[in-house]
Protein backbone atom coordinates (compact mmCIF):
# COMPACT_ATOMS: atom_id res chain seq x y z
CA UNK A 1 -18.60 -8.72 -18.57
CA UNK A 2 -20.42 -12.05 -18.80
CA UNK A 3 -23.86 -10.39 -18.76
CA UNK A 4 -22.83 -7.85 -21.39
CA UNK A 5 -21.48 -10.55 -23.69
CA UNK A 6 -24.70 -12.58 -23.28
CA UNK A 7 -27.61 -10.12 -23.68
CA UNK A 8 -30.17 -12.95 -23.49
CA UNK A 9 -28.88 -13.89 -20.03
CA UNK A 10 -29.11 -10.24 -18.97
CA UNK A 11 -32.71 -10.12 -20.22
CA UNK A 12 -33.60 -13.21 -18.18
CA UNK A 13 -31.97 -11.78 -15.05
CA UNK A 14 -33.79 -8.45 -15.47
CA UNK A 15 -37.03 -10.31 -16.17
CA UNK A 16 -36.68 -12.39 -13.01
CA UNK A 17 -36.01 -9.24 -11.02
CA UNK A 18 -39.05 -7.50 -12.50
CA UNK A 19 -41.28 -10.57 -11.93
CA UNK A 20 -40.12 -11.14 -8.34
CA UNK A 21 -43.20 -9.41 -6.89
CA UNK A 22 -45.59 -11.53 -8.94
CA UNK A 23 -43.68 -14.71 -8.06
CA UNK A 24 -43.75 -13.83 -4.35
CA UNK A 25 -47.50 -13.14 -4.48
CA UNK A 26 -48.14 -16.47 -6.24
CA UNK A 27 -46.05 -18.37 -3.69
CA UNK A 28 -47.89 -16.72 -0.81
CA UNK A 29 -51.21 -17.67 -2.39
CA UNK A 30 -50.06 -21.27 -2.83
CA UNK A 31 -48.86 -21.45 0.78
CA UNK A 32 -52.21 -20.10 1.97
CA UNK A 33 -54.15 -22.64 -0.08
CA UNK A 34 -51.82 -25.39 1.06
CA UNK A 35 -52.42 -24.53 4.72
CA UNK A 36 -56.23 -24.34 4.38
CA UNK A 37 -56.57 -27.59 2.42
CA UNK A 38 -54.11 -29.37 4.73
CA UNK A 39 -56.32 -28.47 7.70
CA UNK A 40 -59.41 -29.82 5.92
CA UNK A 41 -57.80 -33.10 4.86
CA UNK A 42 -56.09 -33.61 8.22
CA UNK A 43 -59.41 -33.13 10.04
CA UNK A 44 -60.93 -36.10 8.21
CA UNK A 45 -57.94 -38.40 7.67
CA UNK A 46 -56.00 -38.01 10.93
CA UNK A 47 -58.11 -40.73 12.57
CA UNK A 48 -57.41 -43.26 9.79
CA UNK A 49 -54.98 -45.82 11.22
CA UNK A 50 -55.55 -48.90 9.02
CA UNK A 51 -53.78 -47.44 5.96
CA UNK A 52 -50.01 -47.01 6.31
CA UNK A 53 -49.85 -44.67 3.32
CA UNK A 54 -52.54 -42.37 4.70
CA UNK A 55 -50.87 -42.31 8.14
CA UNK A 56 -47.50 -41.52 6.56
CA UNK A 57 -48.95 -38.66 4.54
CA UNK A 58 -51.84 -37.12 6.50
CA UNK A 59 -51.51 -38.06 10.17
CA UNK A 60 -50.34 -34.54 11.16
CA UNK A 61 -50.86 -31.05 9.80
CA UNK A 62 -47.22 -30.76 8.78
CA UNK A 63 -47.27 -34.06 6.89
CA UNK A 64 -50.51 -33.02 5.23
CA UNK A 65 -48.99 -29.74 4.01
CA UNK A 66 -45.88 -31.55 2.78
CA UNK A 67 -47.92 -34.21 0.95
CA UNK A 68 -50.17 -31.61 -0.68
CA UNK A 69 -47.18 -29.54 -1.82
CA UNK A 70 -45.26 -32.55 -3.15
CA UNK A 71 -48.09 -34.54 -4.73
CA UNK A 72 -50.57 -31.72 -5.45
CA UNK A 73 -48.68 -28.54 -6.28
CA UNK A 74 -45.72 -30.22 -7.96
CA UNK A 75 -47.87 -33.08 -9.34
CA UNK A 76 -45.54 -35.86 -8.15
CA UNK A 77 -47.64 -39.01 -8.05
CA UNK A 78 -51.17 -37.60 -8.05
CA UNK A 79 -52.65 -40.96 -8.99
CA UNK A 80 -50.93 -42.68 -6.03
CA UNK A 81 -52.56 -40.28 -3.54
CA UNK A 82 -55.98 -40.71 -5.13
CA UNK A 83 -55.67 -44.51 -5.13
CA UNK A 84 -54.65 -44.50 -1.45
CA UNK A 85 -57.67 -42.38 -0.54
CA UNK A 86 -60.03 -44.43 -2.71
CA UNK A 87 -58.78 -47.62 -1.05
CA UNK A 88 -60.28 -46.46 2.27
CA UNK A 89 -63.58 -47.95 1.16
CA UNK A 90 -61.99 -51.40 1.04
CA UNK A 91 -60.79 -50.92 4.63
CA UNK A 92 -64.33 -50.47 5.93
CA UNK A 93 -64.61 -46.67 5.82
CA UNK A 94 -67.65 -44.96 4.32
CA UNK A 95 -67.30 -44.34 0.60
CA UNK A 96 -68.39 -40.73 1.16
CA UNK A 97 -65.15 -40.06 3.11
CA UNK A 98 -62.93 -41.37 0.33
CA UNK A 99 -64.62 -39.63 -2.55
CA UNK A 100 -65.08 -36.36 -0.68
CA UNK A 101 -61.33 -36.30 0.13
CA UNK A 102 -60.55 -37.11 -3.51
CA UNK A 103 -62.71 -34.14 -4.51
CA UNK A 104 -60.93 -31.88 -2.01
CA UNK A 105 -57.51 -33.05 -3.23
CA UNK A 106 -58.51 -32.62 -6.88
CA UNK A 107 -59.78 -29.09 -6.12
CA UNK A 108 -56.43 -28.29 -4.51
CA UNK A 109 -54.58 -29.54 -7.60
CA UNK A 110 -56.91 -27.50 -9.81
CA UNK A 111 -56.30 -24.30 -7.85
CA UNK A 112 -52.56 -24.57 -7.26
CA UNK A 113 -50.97 -26.67 -9.98
CA UNK A 114 -53.29 -25.95 -12.89
CA UNK A 115 -54.43 -22.39 -12.12
CA UNK A 116 -51.87 -20.50 -10.02
CA UNK A 117 -48.73 -22.17 -11.41
CA UNK A 118 -49.83 -21.70 -15.03
CA UNK A 119 -50.85 -18.11 -14.33
CA UNK A 120 -47.40 -17.58 -12.82
CA UNK A 121 -45.73 -18.97 -15.94
CA UNK A 122 -47.80 -16.63 -18.11
CA UNK A 123 -46.95 -13.61 -15.93
CA UNK A 124 -43.22 -14.40 -15.99
CA UNK A 125 -43.24 -14.86 -19.78
CA UNK A 126 -45.08 -11.57 -20.24
CA UNK A 127 -42.72 -9.69 -17.92
CA UNK A 128 -39.63 -11.14 -19.63
CA UNK A 129 -41.05 -10.15 -23.03
CA UNK A 130 -41.68 -6.59 -21.80
CA UNK A 131 -38.19 -6.36 -20.31
CA UNK A 132 -36.67 -7.65 -23.56
CA UNK A 133 -38.62 -5.09 -25.58
CA UNK A 134 -37.61 -2.30 -23.22
CA UNK A 135 -33.92 -3.29 -23.29
CA UNK A 136 -33.95 -3.47 -27.08
CA UNK A 137 -35.59 -0.05 -27.28
CA UNK A 138 -33.05 1.47 -24.87
CA UNK A 139 -30.18 -0.05 -26.85
CA UNK A 140 -31.63 1.31 -30.09
CA UNK A 141 -32.09 4.76 -28.55
CA UNK A 142 -28.48 4.80 -27.29
CA UNK A 143 -27.26 3.84 -30.76
CA UNK A 144 -29.37 6.52 -32.40
CA UNK A 145 -28.25 9.11 -29.84
CA UNK A 146 -24.67 8.58 -30.91
CA UNK A 147 -25.62 9.07 -34.56
CA UNK A 148 -27.73 12.10 -33.68
CA UNK A 149 -24.88 13.75 -31.79
CA UNK A 150 -22.63 13.27 -34.80
CA UNK A 151 -25.35 14.81 -37.01
CA UNK A 152 -25.80 17.81 -34.70
CA UNK A 153 -22.05 18.39 -34.63
CA UNK A 154 -22.13 18.46 -38.43
CA UNK A 155 -25.03 20.94 -38.37
CA UNK A 156 -23.23 23.23 -35.92
CA UNK A 157 -21.07 24.96 -38.49
CA UNK A 158 -19.74 27.69 -36.19
CA UNK A 159 -18.98 25.17 -33.41
CA UNK A 160 -20.57 27.23 -30.61
CA UNK A 161 -22.68 24.33 -29.29
CA UNK A 162 -25.88 25.99 -30.54
CA UNK A 163 -28.02 25.15 -33.57
CA UNK A 164 -29.45 28.20 -35.28
CA UNK A 165 -32.55 28.22 -37.43
CA UNK A 166 -30.45 28.59 -40.58
CA UNK A 167 -28.19 25.70 -39.60
CA UNK A 168 -31.20 23.49 -38.99
CA UNK A 169 -32.63 24.45 -42.38
CA UNK A 170 -29.38 23.21 -43.95
CA UNK A 171 -30.30 19.67 -42.83
CA UNK A 172 -32.38 19.44 -46.02
CA UNK A 173 -29.12 19.34 -47.98
CA UNK A 174 -27.41 16.66 -45.85
CA UNK A 175 -27.92 12.98 -46.81
CA UNK A 176 -26.64 11.99 -43.36
CA UNK A 177 -29.48 13.94 -41.72
CA UNK A 178 -32.09 12.21 -43.87
CA UNK A 179 -30.65 8.76 -43.10
CA UNK A 180 -30.46 9.30 -39.34
CA UNK A 181 -33.95 10.78 -39.12
CA UNK A 182 -35.31 7.95 -41.26
CA UNK A 183 -33.96 5.43 -38.76
CA UNK A 184 -35.84 7.31 -36.04
CA UNK A 185 -38.99 7.43 -38.19
CA UNK A 186 -38.88 11.24 -37.98
CA UNK A 187 -39.92 13.38 -40.95
CA UNK A 188 -37.50 16.25 -41.58
CA UNK A 189 -40.22 18.71 -42.58
CA UNK A 190 -42.22 17.89 -39.43
CA UNK A 191 -39.07 18.49 -37.38
CA UNK A 192 -38.62 21.92 -38.91
CA UNK A 193 -42.23 22.79 -38.18
CA UNK A 194 -42.19 21.53 -34.59
CA UNK A 195 -38.97 23.37 -33.75
CA UNK A 196 -40.45 26.70 -34.84
CA UNK A 197 -41.88 27.40 -31.34
CA UNK A 198 -38.38 27.06 -29.89
CA UNK A 199 -37.01 29.74 -32.17
CA UNK A 200 -40.11 31.93 -31.82
CA UNK A 201 -39.69 31.83 -28.05
CA UNK A 202 -36.17 33.20 -28.51
CA UNK A 203 -37.59 36.02 -30.66
CA UNK A 204 -40.17 36.88 -27.99
CA UNK A 205 -37.46 37.08 -25.35
CA UNK A 206 -35.12 39.10 -27.56
CA UNK A 207 -32.48 36.39 -27.92
CA UNK A 208 -30.79 35.00 -30.99
CA UNK A 209 -32.72 32.18 -32.66
CA UNK A 210 -30.64 29.25 -31.43
CA UNK A 211 -31.16 26.06 -29.43
CA UNK A 212 -28.57 23.87 -27.72
CA UNK A 213 -27.57 20.61 -29.33
CA UNK A 214 -28.90 18.61 -26.35
CA UNK A 215 -32.22 20.45 -26.47
CA UNK A 216 -32.62 19.68 -30.14
CA UNK A 217 -31.52 16.09 -29.48
CA UNK A 218 -34.33 15.64 -26.95
CA UNK A 219 -36.86 17.17 -29.34
CA UNK A 220 -35.88 14.72 -32.08
CA UNK A 221 -36.00 11.74 -29.71
CA UNK A 222 -39.46 12.83 -28.54
CA UNK A 223 -40.61 12.69 -32.16
CA UNK A 224 -39.67 9.02 -32.62
CA UNK A 225 -42.30 7.08 -34.50
CA UNK A 226 -42.31 4.20 -32.00
CA UNK A 227 -42.67 6.44 -28.94
CA UNK A 228 -45.94 6.40 -26.99
CA UNK A 229 -47.81 9.64 -26.35
CA UNK A 230 -47.51 10.90 -22.78
CA UNK A 231 -49.41 13.50 -20.77
CA UNK A 232 -46.33 15.71 -20.98
CA UNK A 233 -46.76 15.85 -24.77
CA UNK A 234 -50.39 16.98 -24.46
CA UNK A 235 -49.47 19.69 -21.95
CA UNK A 236 -46.61 20.87 -24.18
CA UNK A 237 -48.94 20.95 -27.20
CA UNK A 238 -51.45 23.09 -25.28
CA UNK A 239 -48.70 25.51 -24.27
CA UNK A 240 -47.48 25.78 -27.87
CA UNK A 241 -51.03 26.36 -29.12
CA UNK A 242 -51.61 29.03 -26.49
CA UNK A 243 -48.33 30.74 -27.41
CA UNK A 244 -49.18 30.58 -31.11
CA UNK A 245 -52.69 31.97 -30.64
CA UNK A 246 -51.38 34.71 -28.38
CA UNK A 247 -48.85 35.71 -31.03
CA UNK A 248 -51.53 35.72 -33.73
CA UNK A 249 -53.89 37.84 -31.61
CA UNK A 250 -51.07 40.26 -30.93
CA UNK A 251 -50.30 40.43 -34.63
CA UNK A 252 -53.97 41.13 -35.46
CA UNK A 253 -54.10 43.73 -32.72
CA UNK A 254 -51.06 45.51 -34.15
CA UNK A 255 -52.64 45.48 -37.60
CA UNK A 256 -55.87 46.90 -36.22
CA UNK A 257 -54.07 49.62 -34.33
CA UNK A 258 -52.09 50.47 -37.47
CA UNK A 259 -55.20 50.80 -39.57
CA UNK A 260 -56.84 52.91 -36.86
CA UNK A 261 -54.01 55.38 -36.97
């Protein structure tokens, strides 16, 4: 009930669920970088004993990983770490050690905090936006389905659950039909043209020219203006073209045979 009353909260929850794989991959990458850079820094700074701050942060591999995660990935006191490493020169250590470790630490910050974390934020924002758009589209489709079902019930004059060709033609005279189809960005004349193959298929099979309400509902929803083209649509178009050409060839053949007689 709470999620339904707060659709924004539901969108965030669905977005977090959809982005969980990307978040997990980013965390694994950060952990891998943390481990590699901790080994490098620990190799060079584990022997430093004159600096209490360096010993407290980099004397073991575990402390090195913790310090990199806290001060590098989460950017908590980056300047303090760099000042502690730079101060090694004042304690008698070669300046190359201090500045090389500063470069390594800065590279770690660049890879994890600036690159991976910001990429992760961008991925999460994009996924949440896609989930929001999808949820809004599904909600709109559900709303329009209800209106469409009411329209199809109005078109079904005999109440047999089937829409005949004549009943569908009567949609031209119904303001409700024009309003509902306009909301779907569906042109009524295009609908009449595209449903012709359905009725022609009934003629070929010797049945009455009727389609079920649900079948016509799906056809109308497939014609939505905001719907993306799928491979299924291309295959269906090829089948309709083949059926149409076959019917035309048969018609020409019948005319030729009639003239021959």
